[in-house]
Amino acid sequence: MPGVKVGIEEPVEMAIRRFRKQVERAGVITECRRREAYEKPSVARKRKEAAARKRLMKRLRRVRMRENREY
Protein backbone atom coordinates (compact mmCIF):
# COMPACT_ATOMS: atom_id res chain seq x y z
CA MET A 1 0.00 0.00 0.00
CA PRO A 2 1.52 3.33 -1.00
CA GLY A 3 2.21 5.83 1.73
CA VAL A 4 4.14 9.05 2.10
CA LYS A 5 5.69 10.66 5.15
CA VAL A 6 5.67 14.43 4.89
CA GLY A 7 8.73 16.25 6.14
CA ILE A 8 8.53 19.28 8.44
CA GLU A 9 9.49 21.85 5.81
CA GLU A 10 8.17 19.92 2.80
CA PRO A 11 5.33 21.50 0.82
CA VAL A 12 2.12 19.47 0.64
CA GLU A 13 2.15 19.64 -3.16
CA MET A 14 5.48 17.78 -3.26
CA ALA A 15 4.12 15.08 -0.95
CA ILE A 16 1.00 14.70 -3.10
CA ARG A 17 3.19 14.37 -6.20
CA ARG A 18 5.28 11.64 -4.54
CA PHE A 19 2.13 9.85 -3.40
CA ARG A 20 0.65 9.90 -6.92
CA LYS A 21 3.87 8.42 -8.33
CA GLN A 22 3.80 5.63 -5.76
CA VAL A 23 0.14 4.88 -6.50
CA GLU A 24 0.88 4.77 -10.22
CA ARG A 25 3.86 2.44 -9.78
CA ALA A 26 1.88 0.13 -7.50
CA GLY A 27 -0.88 -0.17 -10.10
CA VAL A 28 -3.69 0.82 -7.72
CA ILE A 29 -5.63 2.84 -10.30
CA THR A 30 -5.50 0.12 -12.95
CA GLU A 31 -6.57 -2.48 -10.38
CA CYS A 32 -9.54 -0.34 -9.33
CA ARG A 33 -10.63 0.15 -12.92
CA ARG A 34 -10.32 -3.57 -13.57
CA ARG A 35 -12.52 -4.39 -10.58
CA GLU A 36 -15.24 -1.83 -11.36
CA ALA A 37 -17.26 -4.38 -13.29
CA TYR A 38 -17.41 -8.17 -13.36
CA GLU A 39 -15.29 -9.75 -16.05
CA LYS A 40 -16.40 -13.12 -17.32
CA PRO A 41 -13.75 -15.85 -17.11
CA SER A 42 -13.74 -16.28 -20.90
CA VAL A 43 -13.09 -12.55 -21.39
CA ALA A 44 -10.32 -12.60 -18.78
CA ARG A 45 -8.73 -15.61 -20.48
CA LYS A 46 -8.82 -13.90 -23.88
CA ARG A 47 -7.32 -10.71 -22.42
CA LYS A 48 -4.50 -12.65 -20.78
CA GLU A 49 -3.79 -14.60 -23.98
CA ALA A 50 -3.67 -11.37 -25.98
CA ALA A 51 -1.26 -9.84 -23.47
CA ALA A 52 0.95 -12.93 -23.65
CA ARG A 53 0.92 -12.78 -27.46
CA LYS A 54 1.88 -9.10 -27.33
CA ARG A 55 4.78 -9.80 -24.94
CA LEU A 56 5.99 -12.64 -27.15
CA MET A 57 5.92 -10.49 -30.28
CA LYS A 58 7.79 -7.72 -28.48
CA ARG A 59 10.44 -10.18 -27.33
CA LEU A 60 10.80 -11.62 -30.83
CA ARG A 61 11.09 -8.13 -32.30
CA ARG A 62 13.92 -7.35 -29.89
CA VAL A 63 15.76 -10.58 -30.71
CA ARG A 64 15.45 -9.96 -34.45
CA MET A 65 16.74 -6.42 -34.06
CA ARG A 66 19.70 -7.75 -32.11
CA GLU A 67 20.45 -10.39 -34.76
CA ASN A 68 20.26 -7.89 -37.64
CA ARG A 69 22.81 -5.50 -36.21
CA GLU A 70 25.92 -5.04 -38.26
CA TYR A 71 29.02 -3.86 -36.46
C-alpha atoms as a PDB file:
ATOM      1  CA  MET A   1       0.000   0.000   0.000  1.00  0.00           C
ATOM      2  CA  PRO A   2       1.521   3.334  -1.002  1.00  0.00           C
ATOM      3  CA  GLY A   3       2.212   5.827   1.734  1.00  0.00           C
ATOM      4  CA  VAL A   4       4.143   9.054   2.103  1.00  0.00           C
ATOM      5  CA  LYS A   5       5.693  10.657   5.152  1.00  0.00           C
ATOM      6  CA  VAL A   6       5.675  14.427   4.888  1.00  0.00           C
ATOM      7  CA  GLY A   7       8.728  16.247   6.144  1.00  0.00           C
ATOM      8  CA  ILE A   8       8.526  19.279   8.441  1.00  0.00           C
ATOM      9  CA  GLU A   9       9.491  21.847   5.808  1.00  0.00           C
ATOM     10  CA  GLU A  10       8.170  19.917   2.800  1.00  0.00           C
ATOM     11  CA  PRO A  11       5.330  21.498   0.819  1.00  0.00           C
ATOM     12  CA  VAL A  12       2.121  19.470   0.640  1.00  0.00           C
ATOM     13  CA  GLU A  13       2.153  19.643  -3.157  1.00  0.00           C
ATOM     14  CA  MET A  14       5.479  17.781  -3.260  1.00  0.00           C
ATOM     15  CA  ALA A  15       4.117  15.079  -0.946  1.00  0.00           C
ATOM     16  CA  ILE A  16       0.999  14.696  -3.104  1.00  0.00           C
ATOM     17  CA  ARG A  17       3.189  14.366  -6.202  1.00  0.00           C
ATOM     18  CA  ARG A  18       5.284  11.643  -4.538  1.00  0.00           C
ATOM     19  CA  PHE A  19       2.126   9.854  -3.401  1.00  0.00           C
ATOM     20  CA  ARG A  20       0.653   9.895  -6.918  1.00  0.00           C
ATOM     21  CA  LYS A  21       3.866   8.423  -8.327  1.00  0.00           C
ATOM     22  CA  GLN A  22       3.797   5.626  -5.760  1.00  0.00           C
ATOM     23  CA  VAL A  23       0.139   4.884  -6.503  1.00  0.00           C
ATOM     24  CA  GLU A  24       0.876   4.769 -10.219  1.00  0.00           C
ATOM     25  CA  ARG A  25       3.857   2.441  -9.781  1.00  0.00           C
ATOM     26  CA  ALA A  26       1.876   0.126  -7.496  1.00  0.00           C
ATOM     27  CA  GLY A  27      -0.882  -0.168 -10.100  1.00  0.00           C
ATOM     28  CA  VAL A  28      -3.690   0.820  -7.720  1.00  0.00           C
ATOM     29  CA  ILE A  29      -5.628   2.837 -10.299  1.00  0.00           C
ATOM     30  CA  THR A  30      -5.505   0.117 -12.949  1.00  0.00           C
ATOM     31  CA  GLU A  31      -6.572  -2.476 -10.377  1.00  0.00           C
ATOM     32  CA  CYS A  32      -9.545  -0.343  -9.329  1.00  0.00           C
ATOM     33  CA  ARG A  33     -10.632   0.148 -12.923  1.00  0.00           C
ATOM     34  CA  ARG A  34     -10.317  -3.565 -13.572  1.00  0.00           C
ATOM     35  CA  ARG A  35     -12.520  -4.394 -10.584  1.00  0.00           C
ATOM     36  CA  GLU A  36     -15.237  -1.835 -11.360  1.00  0.00           C
ATOM     37  CA  ALA A  37     -17.263  -4.377 -13.292  1.00  0.00           C
ATOM     38  CA  TYR A  38     -17.410  -8.165 -13.365  1.00  0.00           C
ATOM     39  CA  GLU A  39     -15.288  -9.748 -16.050  1.00  0.00           C
ATOM     40  CA  LYS A  40     -16.399 -13.121 -17.324  1.00  0.00           C
ATOM     41  CA  PRO A  41     -13.753 -15.853 -17.106  1.00  0.00           C
ATOM     42  CA  SER A  42     -13.744 -16.281 -20.898  1.00  0.00           C
ATOM     43  CA  VAL A  43     -13.089 -12.546 -21.392  1.00  0.00           C
ATOM     44  CA  ALA A  44     -10.321 -12.595 -18.783  1.00  0.00           C
ATOM     45  CA  ARG A  45      -8.729 -15.606 -20.476  1.00  0.00           C
ATOM     46  CA  LYS A  46      -8.821 -13.896 -23.879  1.00  0.00           C
ATOM     47  CA  ARG A  47      -7.321 -10.709 -22.417  1.00  0.00           C
ATOM     48  CA  LYS A  48      -4.498 -12.654 -20.785  1.00  0.00           C
ATOM     49  CA  GLU A  49      -3.789 -14.596 -23.977  1.00  0.00           C
ATOM     50  CA  ALA A  50      -3.668 -11.367 -25.984  1.00  0.00           C
ATOM     51  CA  ALA A  51      -1.263  -9.837 -23.474  1.00  0.00           C
ATOM     52  CA  ALA A  52       0.946 -12.927 -23.646  1.00  0.00           C
ATOM     53  CA  ARG A  53       0.923 -12.778 -27.458  1.00  0.00           C
ATOM     54  CA  LYS A  54       1.878  -9.104 -27.332  1.00  0.00           C
ATOM     55  CA  ARG A  55       4.776  -9.800 -24.938  1.00  0.00           C
ATOM     56  CA  LEU A  56       5.993 -12.636 -27.152  1.00  0.00           C
ATOM     57  CA  MET A  57       5.921 -10.487 -30.285  1.00  0.00           C
ATOM     58  CA  LYS A  58       7.787  -7.715 -28.476  1.00  0.00           C
ATOM     59  CA  ARG A  59      10.439 -10.182 -27.325  1.00  0.00           C
ATOM     60  CA  LEU A  60      10.801 -11.623 -30.831  1.00  0.00           C
ATOM     61  CA  ARG A  61      11.091  -8.134 -32.305  1.00  0.00           C
ATOM     62  CA  ARG A  62      13.925  -7.346 -29.889  1.00  0.00           C
ATOM     63  CA  VAL A  63      15.756 -10.584 -30.710  1.00  0.00           C
ATOM     64  CA  ARG A  64      15.449  -9.960 -34.449  1.00  0.00           C
ATOM     65  CA  MET A  65      16.737  -6.416 -34.057  1.00  0.00           C
ATOM     66  CA  ARG A  66      19.703  -7.753 -32.107  1.00  0.00           C
ATOM     67  CA  GLU A  67      20.446 -10.395 -34.764  1.00  0.00           C
ATOM     68  CA  ASN A  68      20.257  -7.891 -37.644  1.00  0.00           C
ATOM     69  CA  ARG A  69      22.806  -5.498 -36.208  1.00  0.00           C
ATOM     70  CA  GLU A  70      25.922  -5.039 -38.256  1.00  0.00           C
ATOM     71  CA  TYR A  71      29.015  -3.863 -36.460  1.00  0.00           C
END
